[in-house]
C-alpha cells in the first residue's frame, strides 16, 4: 500500500498453505523466474530460505537477469545459513543492535516503511499504516511490551479516528461497529476472520481487503471472510470432536506422554488450531496429522518447558 502510494508498480505473492506450505516455495521461485520483477521484499519469511533463494539467483543468472532481495522476518535465524540478500531486516541476526527484538512480521514491515519515510523526508506518513501493524501485532500473539505496546496503542487510536477501509468493513460485518476497539476485539473478532481467508480459501483476499479504495468492494470481501470464518469454525469443531473421540477410546494414546492423533483428509487449514485446543485440554504436546494416501501432513503444539522442535530434531 505504501509503495503504491509512491507511484511504484507493486504486486504480491502469497503461497498456498495447502500446496506450498509457508515461506518461499519452489512454486514461488518458478513464479519469480517467469515474471520480470527486479525487487522482492519478503514479509514474515525468508530468513530460513537460503536454498530457495540460491536457486532463484541461479535461475536469474541463467536468464541474464538481476533481482534484488530484501528479507524482512522476525523468526530466529540459523547463523550458518543466512540467505544472500541485498538486506536482511531481522532483529535476531548476529550483530544487530536494534533495541527491541520482539516485533512480529507485520511490525518489521512497518519499521521498513518508517525507515523509508525517514530516508525520503516523508515525515510521519508511516503512521497511516500503524493500524495494520497493530492488528498484525495482536493477531500474531507476540508479547505486548516495549515497541509492540506502542504500535498497538497508536494503532488503536487510529482505528478509533480514521481506520483503514478494510478494518472498517470487517468491523461492520462482524458487528464490531460502535463497540470499544481494544486488543480483545482485534484478537478474537477480527484476527480469526483474516486468518480464515488463508485457512479455508484464498489468503490474497486479505491483501485486497486492506488495500481497497472502494467501500463496497471492501465490504464484499469482508463478508466473504466472515463466511470463511463460519466454515472454519464448523470444520475445526468437527475435527476437534473426532480427535477427542479417538484419544478417549485409545488408552495408549491418552496415557502417553505425547498425544498423536490422525484422520483421513482432515483439513490442513485447521489442524494447527485443533492441536492447540488438544494441548490446552490434555496439557501434553500434541500432533494432529491429516492423512492423504500414504502421506501425512501434521501440525504440533507443545506445553511450557518442552521444546517440540528439539524433540523432533532428536528423533529425526
Protein backbone atom coordinates (compact mmCIF):
# COMPACT_ATOMS: atom_id res chain seq x y z
CA UNK A 1 0.00 0.00 0.00
CA UNK A 2 2.80 2.41 0.97
CA UNK A 3 4.95 1.61 -2.08
CA UNK A 4 1.97 2.10 -4.40
CA UNK A 5 1.38 5.49 -2.77
CA UNK A 6 4.87 6.42 -4.01
CA UNK A 7 3.88 5.52 -7.60
CA UNK A 8 5.71 2.18 -7.71
CA UNK A 9 4.49 -0.82 -9.69
CA UNK A 10 3.92 -3.41 -6.96
CA UNK A 11 2.29 -6.81 -6.85
CA UNK A 12 2.32 -9.59 -4.26
CA UNK A 13 2.55 -13.35 -3.91
CA UNK A 14 1.16 -15.40 -1.04
CA UNK A 15 1.96 -19.15 -1.04
CA UNK A 16 -0.99 -21.53 -0.96
CA UNK A 17 -0.66 -23.03 2.53
CA UNK A 18 -2.04 -26.41 1.42
CA UNK A 19 0.01 -26.83 -1.75
CA UNK A 20 3.17 -24.88 -0.90
CA UNK A 21 3.37 -24.58 2.89
CA UNK A 22 4.99 -21.49 4.38
CA UNK A 23 7.66 -19.15 3.08
CA UNK A 24 9.42 -19.21 -0.27
CA UNK A 25 8.38 -22.39 -2.07
CA UNK A 26 9.69 -23.94 -5.27
CA UNK A 27 6.46 -22.81 -6.94
CA UNK A 28 7.16 -19.24 -5.81
CA UNK A 29 10.68 -19.41 -7.26
CA UNK A 30 9.27 -20.52 -10.63
CA UNK A 31 6.72 -17.68 -10.48
CA UNK A 32 9.52 -15.15 -9.87
CA UNK A 33 11.60 -16.55 -12.72
CA UNK A 34 8.63 -16.34 -15.10
CA UNK A 35 7.86 -12.68 -14.32
CA UNK A 36 10.01 -9.57 -14.84
CA UNK A 37 10.42 -8.40 -11.24
CA UNK A 38 13.61 -6.60 -10.23
CA UNK A 39 12.99 -6.46 -6.46
CA UNK A 40 11.43 -8.87 -3.98
CA UNK A 41 10.67 -7.90 -0.38
CA UNK A 42 9.75 -10.84 1.84
CA UNK A 43 7.41 -10.31 4.77
CA UNK A 44 7.49 -12.59 7.83
CA UNK A 45 9.57 -15.18 5.96
CA UNK A 46 12.81 -15.75 4.09
CA UNK A 47 15.36 -15.99 6.90
CA UNK A 48 15.50 -19.79 6.53
CA UNK A 49 15.17 -19.85 2.73
CA UNK A 50 18.85 -19.81 1.73
CA UNK A 51 18.50 -22.85 -0.53
CA UNK A 52 15.44 -21.47 -2.32
CA UNK A 53 16.99 -18.01 -2.75
CA UNK A 54 20.20 -19.57 -4.10
CA UNK A 55 18.01 -21.50 -6.57
CA UNK A 56 16.33 -18.23 -7.55
CA UNK A 57 19.64 -16.41 -8.11
CA UNK A 58 20.98 -19.30 -10.22
CA UNK A 59 17.87 -19.16 -12.39
CA UNK A 60 18.18 -15.38 -12.75
CA UNK A 61 21.83 -15.66 -13.79
CA UNK A 62 20.86 -18.24 -16.43
CA UNK A 63 18.35 -15.71 -17.77
CA UNK A 64 20.85 -12.85 -17.67
CA UNK A 65 18.70 -11.03 -15.09
CA UNK A 66 19.24 -9.44 -11.71
CA UNK A 67 16.76 -9.22 -8.84
CA UNK A 68 17.45 -7.59 -5.50
CA UNK A 69 16.07 -9.34 -2.42
CA UNK A 70 15.22 -7.64 0.86
CA UNK A 71 14.29 -10.05 3.65
CA UNK A 72 12.08 -8.80 6.47
CA UNK A 73 11.48 -11.52 9.03
CA UNK A 74 11.23 -11.94 12.80
CA UNK A 75 11.96 -15.67 13.05
CA UNK A 76 15.17 -16.98 14.62
CA UNK A 77 17.93 -17.32 12.01
CA UNK A 78 20.46 -20.11 11.67
CA UNK A 79 23.79 -18.19 11.77
CA UNK A 80 25.33 -20.71 9.37
CA UNK A 81 22.70 -20.31 6.65
CA UNK A 82 21.75 -16.65 6.40
CA UNK A 83 20.50 -16.11 2.82
CA UNK A 84 22.43 -13.94 0.40
CA UNK A 85 20.37 -10.77 0.01
CA UNK A 86 20.67 -7.05 -0.59
CA UNK A 87 19.46 -6.58 3.00
CA UNK A 88 18.30 -8.74 5.89
CA UNK A 89 15.99 -6.85 8.27
CA UNK A 90 15.65 -9.05 11.34
CA UNK A 91 16.45 -8.00 14.93
CA UNK A 92 17.73 -11.52 15.71
CA UNK A 93 20.62 -11.61 13.22
CA UNK A 94 24.12 -11.57 14.64
CA UNK A 95 25.44 -8.03 15.05
CA UNK A 96 22.01 -6.39 15.17
CA UNK A 97 21.94 -3.62 17.74
CA UNK A 98 18.23 -2.88 17.40
CA UNK A 99 16.95 -2.37 20.96
CA UNK A 100 13.70 -4.40 20.68
CA UNK A 101 13.67 -7.99 19.44
CA UNK A 102 10.02 -8.99 19.81
CA UNK A 103 8.43 -7.35 16.77
CA UNK A 104 6.19 -9.56 14.66
CA UNK A 105 6.43 -9.83 10.87
CA UNK A 106 3.91 -7.02 10.35
CA UNK A 107 5.82 -4.88 12.87
CA UNK A 108 9.07 -5.30 10.94
CA UNK A 109 7.33 -4.45 7.65
CA UNK A 110 6.03 -1.32 9.42
CA UNK A 111 9.58 -0.41 10.52
CA UNK A 112 10.73 -0.71 6.90
CA UNK A 113 8.02 1.77 5.88
CA UNK A 114 9.08 4.07 8.73
CA UNK A 115 12.73 3.91 7.63
CA UNK A 116 11.75 4.72 4.03
CA UNK A 117 9.72 7.71 5.24
CA UNK A 118 12.79 8.94 7.14
CA UNK A 119 15.03 8.48 4.09
CA UNK A 120 12.54 10.11 1.68
CA UNK A 121 11.67 13.01 4.03
CA UNK A 122 8.02 11.94 4.21
CA UNK A 123 7.73 12.93 7.88
CA UNK A 124 5.30 10.69 9.76
CA UNK A 125 3.35 9.30 6.78
CA UNK A 126 4.18 5.80 8.06
CA UNK A 127 1.56 6.37 10.77
CA UNK A 128 -1.08 5.92 8.03
CA UNK A 129 -0.32 2.19 8.36
CA UNK A 130 0.04 1.85 12.14
CA UNK A 131 -3.47 0.37 12.48
CA UNK A 132 -2.48 -2.51 10.16
CA UNK A 133 0.75 -3.01 12.13
CA UNK A 134 -1.24 -3.05 15.38
CA UNK A 135 -3.72 -5.60 14.03
CA UNK A 136 -0.86 -7.84 12.85
CA UNK A 137 0.90 -7.49 16.21
CA UNK A 138 -2.14 -8.60 18.20
CA UNK A 139 -3.07 -11.34 15.71
CA UNK A 140 0.43 -12.85 15.87
CA UNK A 141 0.17 -13.14 19.68
CA UNK A 142 3.57 -11.56 20.37
CA UNK A 143 4.44 -10.03 23.73
CA UNK A 144 2.66 -6.66 24.09
CA UNK A 145 5.54 -4.89 25.75
CA UNK A 146 8.10 -2.34 24.57
CA UNK A 147 7.68 -1.19 20.99
CA UNK A 148 4.84 -3.66 20.36
CA UNK A 149 2.83 -1.92 23.06
CA UNK A 150 3.49 1.48 21.46
CA UNK A 151 2.47 0.22 17.98
CA UNK A 152 -0.76 -1.28 19.34
CA UNK A 153 -1.56 1.84 21.39
CA UNK A 154 -1.07 4.11 18.35
CA UNK A 155 -2.92 1.68 16.07
CA UNK A 156 -5.97 1.53 18.34
CA UNK A 157 -6.06 5.33 18.41
CA UNK A 158 -6.02 5.45 14.60
CA UNK A 159 -8.77 2.81 14.33
CA UNK A 160 -11.00 4.94 16.54
CA UNK A 161 -10.35 8.08 14.46
CA UNK A 162 -9.67 7.02 10.87
CA UNK A 163 -9.42 3.24 10.37
CA UNK A 164 -8.12 1.52 7.27
CA UNK A 165 -11.12 0.91 4.98
CA UNK A 166 -10.67 -2.87 5.23
CA UNK A 167 -10.62 -2.78 9.03
CA UNK A 168 -13.75 -0.62 8.96
CA UNK A 169 -15.51 -3.17 6.70
CA UNK A 170 -14.50 -6.08 8.94
CA UNK A 171 -15.80 -4.24 12.00
CA UNK A 172 -19.10 -3.68 10.21
CA UNK A 173 -19.73 -7.28 9.08
CA UNK A 174 -18.63 -8.72 12.43
CA UNK A 175 -20.92 -6.29 14.30
CA UNK A 176 -17.92 -4.57 15.84
CA UNK A 177 -19.02 -1.08 14.77
CA UNK A 178 -19.79 1.09 17.77
CA UNK A 179 -18.01 -1.24 20.22
CA UNK A 180 -14.87 -0.25 22.04
CA UNK A 181 -11.91 -1.08 19.81
CA UNK A 182 -9.41 -2.89 22.02
CA UNK A 183 -6.97 -5.79 21.82
CA UNK A 184 -9.74 -8.29 22.63
CA UNK A 185 -11.72 -7.14 19.58
CA UNK A 186 -8.63 -7.39 17.36
CA UNK A 187 -7.52 -10.77 18.69
CA UNK A 188 -10.85 -12.59 19.00
CA UNK A 189 -13.10 -10.95 16.40
CA UNK A 190 -11.01 -9.52 13.54
CA UNK A 191 -7.93 -11.80 13.52
CA UNK A 192 -9.86 -15.11 13.16
CA UNK A 193 -11.73 -13.72 10.15
CA UNK A 194 -8.50 -12.63 8.48
CA UNK A 195 -6.81 -15.96 9.20
CA UNK A 196 -9.84 -17.86 7.91
CA UNK A 197 -9.28 -16.46 4.40
CA UNK A 198 -5.94 -18.29 4.21
CA UNK A 199 -7.05 -21.35 6.13
CA UNK A 200 -10.18 -22.05 4.10
CA UNK A 201 -9.53 -20.41 0.74
CA UNK A 202 -7.53 -17.58 -0.77
CA UNK A 203 -5.34 -15.52 1.56
CA UNK A 204 -4.90 -12.82 -1.08
CA UNK A 205 -8.38 -11.57 -0.19
CA UNK A 206 -6.82 -10.12 2.96
CA UNK A 207 -4.43 -8.02 0.88
CA UNK A 208 -7.24 -6.86 -1.41
CA UNK A 209 -9.35 -6.00 1.65
CA UNK A 210 -6.68 -3.87 3.35
CA UNK A 211 -5.66 -2.10 0.12
CA UNK A 212 -9.24 -1.48 -1.09
CA UNK A 213 -10.17 2.05 -2.15
CA UNK A 214 -13.87 1.28 -2.69
CA UNK A 215 -16.03 0.75 0.43
CA UNK A 216 -18.46 -1.53 -1.45
CA UNK A 217 -15.61 -3.81 -2.59
CA UNK A 218 -14.14 -3.78 0.94
CA UNK A 219 -17.47 -4.79 2.50
CA UNK A 220 -17.96 -7.58 -0.07
CA UNK A 221 -14.50 -9.00 0.74
CA UNK A 222 -15.16 -8.70 4.48
CA UNK A 223 -18.41 -10.68 4.08
CA UNK A 224 -16.55 -13.41 2.20
CA UNK A 225 -14.07 -13.63 5.08
CA UNK A 226 -16.94 -13.74 7.55
CA UNK A 227 -18.33 -16.77 5.66
CA UNK A 228 -14.87 -18.38 5.57
CA UNK A 229 -14.64 -18.00 9.33
CA UNK A 230 -18.03 -19.65 9.88
CA UNK A 231 -16.90 -22.60 7.74
CA UNK A 232 -13.55 -22.68 9.59
CA UNK A 233 -15.32 -22.87 12.96
CA UNK A 234 -17.56 -25.73 11.79
CA UNK A 235 -14.67 -27.70 10.24
CA UNK A 236 -12.44 -27.12 13.26
CA UNK A 237 -15.11 -28.29 15.71
CA UNK A 238 -15.78 -31.48 13.69
CA UNK A 239 -12.07 -32.43 13.66
CA UNK A 240 -11.67 -31.48 17.33
CA UNK A 241 -14.54 -33.77 18.36
CA UNK A 242 -13.22 -36.64 16.20
CA UNK A 243 -9.79 -36.16 17.81
CA UNK A 244 -11.21 -36.30 21.34
CA UNK A 245 -13.16 -39.44 20.47
CA UNK A 246 -10.04 -41.11 19.06
CA UNK A 247 -7.95 -40.17 22.12
CA UNK A 248 -10.56 -41.16 24.72
CA UNK A 249 -11.14 -44.59 23.14
CA UNK A 250 -7.41 -45.41 22.92
CA UNK A 251 -5.74 -45.66 26.37
CA UNK A 252 -2.25 -45.90 24.85
CA UNK A 253 -2.86 -42.55 23.14
CA UNK A 254 -4.49 -40.83 26.10
CA UNK A 255 -1.94 -42.06 28.65
CA UNK A 256 1.14 -41.38 26.52
CA UNK A 257 3.49 -38.50 27.24
CA UNK A 258 2.82 -37.10 23.77
CA UNK A 259 -0.56 -37.27 22.02
CA UNK A 260 -0.67 -38.13 18.31
CA UNK A 261 -4.00 -38.24 16.50
CA UNK A 262 -4.73 -38.53 12.79
CA UNK A 263 -7.61 -38.60 10.33
CA UNK A 264 -8.12 -39.20 6.64
CA UNK A 265 -8.43 -35.97 4.69
CA UNK A 266 -8.62 -33.63 7.67
CA UNK A 267 -8.49 -30.01 6.52
CA UNK A 268 -4.91 -28.69 6.60
CA UNK A 269 -6.09 -25.19 7.42
CA UNK A 270 -7.40 -26.05 10.89
CA UNK A 271 -5.20 -28.88 12.22
CA UNK A 272 -2.89 -26.37 13.92
CA UNK A 273 -5.82 -24.85 15.83
CA UNK A 274 -7.04 -28.34 16.77
CA UNK A 275 -3.53 -29.20 18.05
CA UNK A 276 -3.64 -26.06 20.23
CA UNK A 277 -7.07 -26.97 21.62
CA UNK A 278 -5.94 -30.53 22.42
CA UNK A 279 -2.79 -29.25 24.15
CA UNK A 280 -4.96 -26.97 26.31
CA UNK A 281 -7.33 -29.85 27.12
CA UNK A 282 -4.76 -32.55 27.96
CA UNK A 283 -1.73 -30.37 28.83
CA UNK A 284 0.58 -32.53 26.74
CA UNK A 285 2.45 -31.94 23.48
CA UNK A 286 0.07 -32.82 20.63
CA UNK A 287 0.48 -33.74 16.98
CA UNK A 288 -2.53 -33.65 14.65
CA UNK A 289 -1.99 -35.32 11.27
CA UNK A 290 -4.05 -35.17 8.11
CA UNK A 291 -3.59 -38.37 6.08
CA UNK A 292 -3.88 -38.33 2.30
CA UNK A 293 -2.95 -41.64 0.67
CA UNK A 294 0.48 -42.60 2.01
CA UNK A 295 1.39 -39.06 3.15
CA UNK A 296 0.57 -37.43 6.47
CA UNK A 297 0.83 -33.66 6.92
CA UNK A 298 0.88 -32.52 10.52
CA UNK A 299 0.88 -29.65 12.94
CA UNK A 300 2.21 -29.75 16.51
CA UNK A 301 1.80 -27.70 19.67
CA UNK A 302 3.62 -28.03 22.95
CA UNK A 303 3.48 -27.01 26.61
CA UNK A 304 5.80 -24.68 28.52
CA UNK A 305 9.15 -26.30 29.23
CA UNK A 306 9.10 -28.81 26.37
CA UNK A 307 10.71 -27.73 23.10
CA UNK A 308 8.88 -29.80 20.50
CA UNK A 309 11.20 -28.74 17.67
CA UNK A 310 14.24 -30.00 19.60
CA UNK A 311 12.40 -33.24 20.39
CA UNK A 312 11.59 -33.81 16.72
CA UNK A 313 15.17 -32.96 15.74
CA UNK A 314 16.43 -35.52 18.28
CA UNK A 315 14.19 -38.20 16.74
CA UNK A 316 14.89 -37.38 13.10
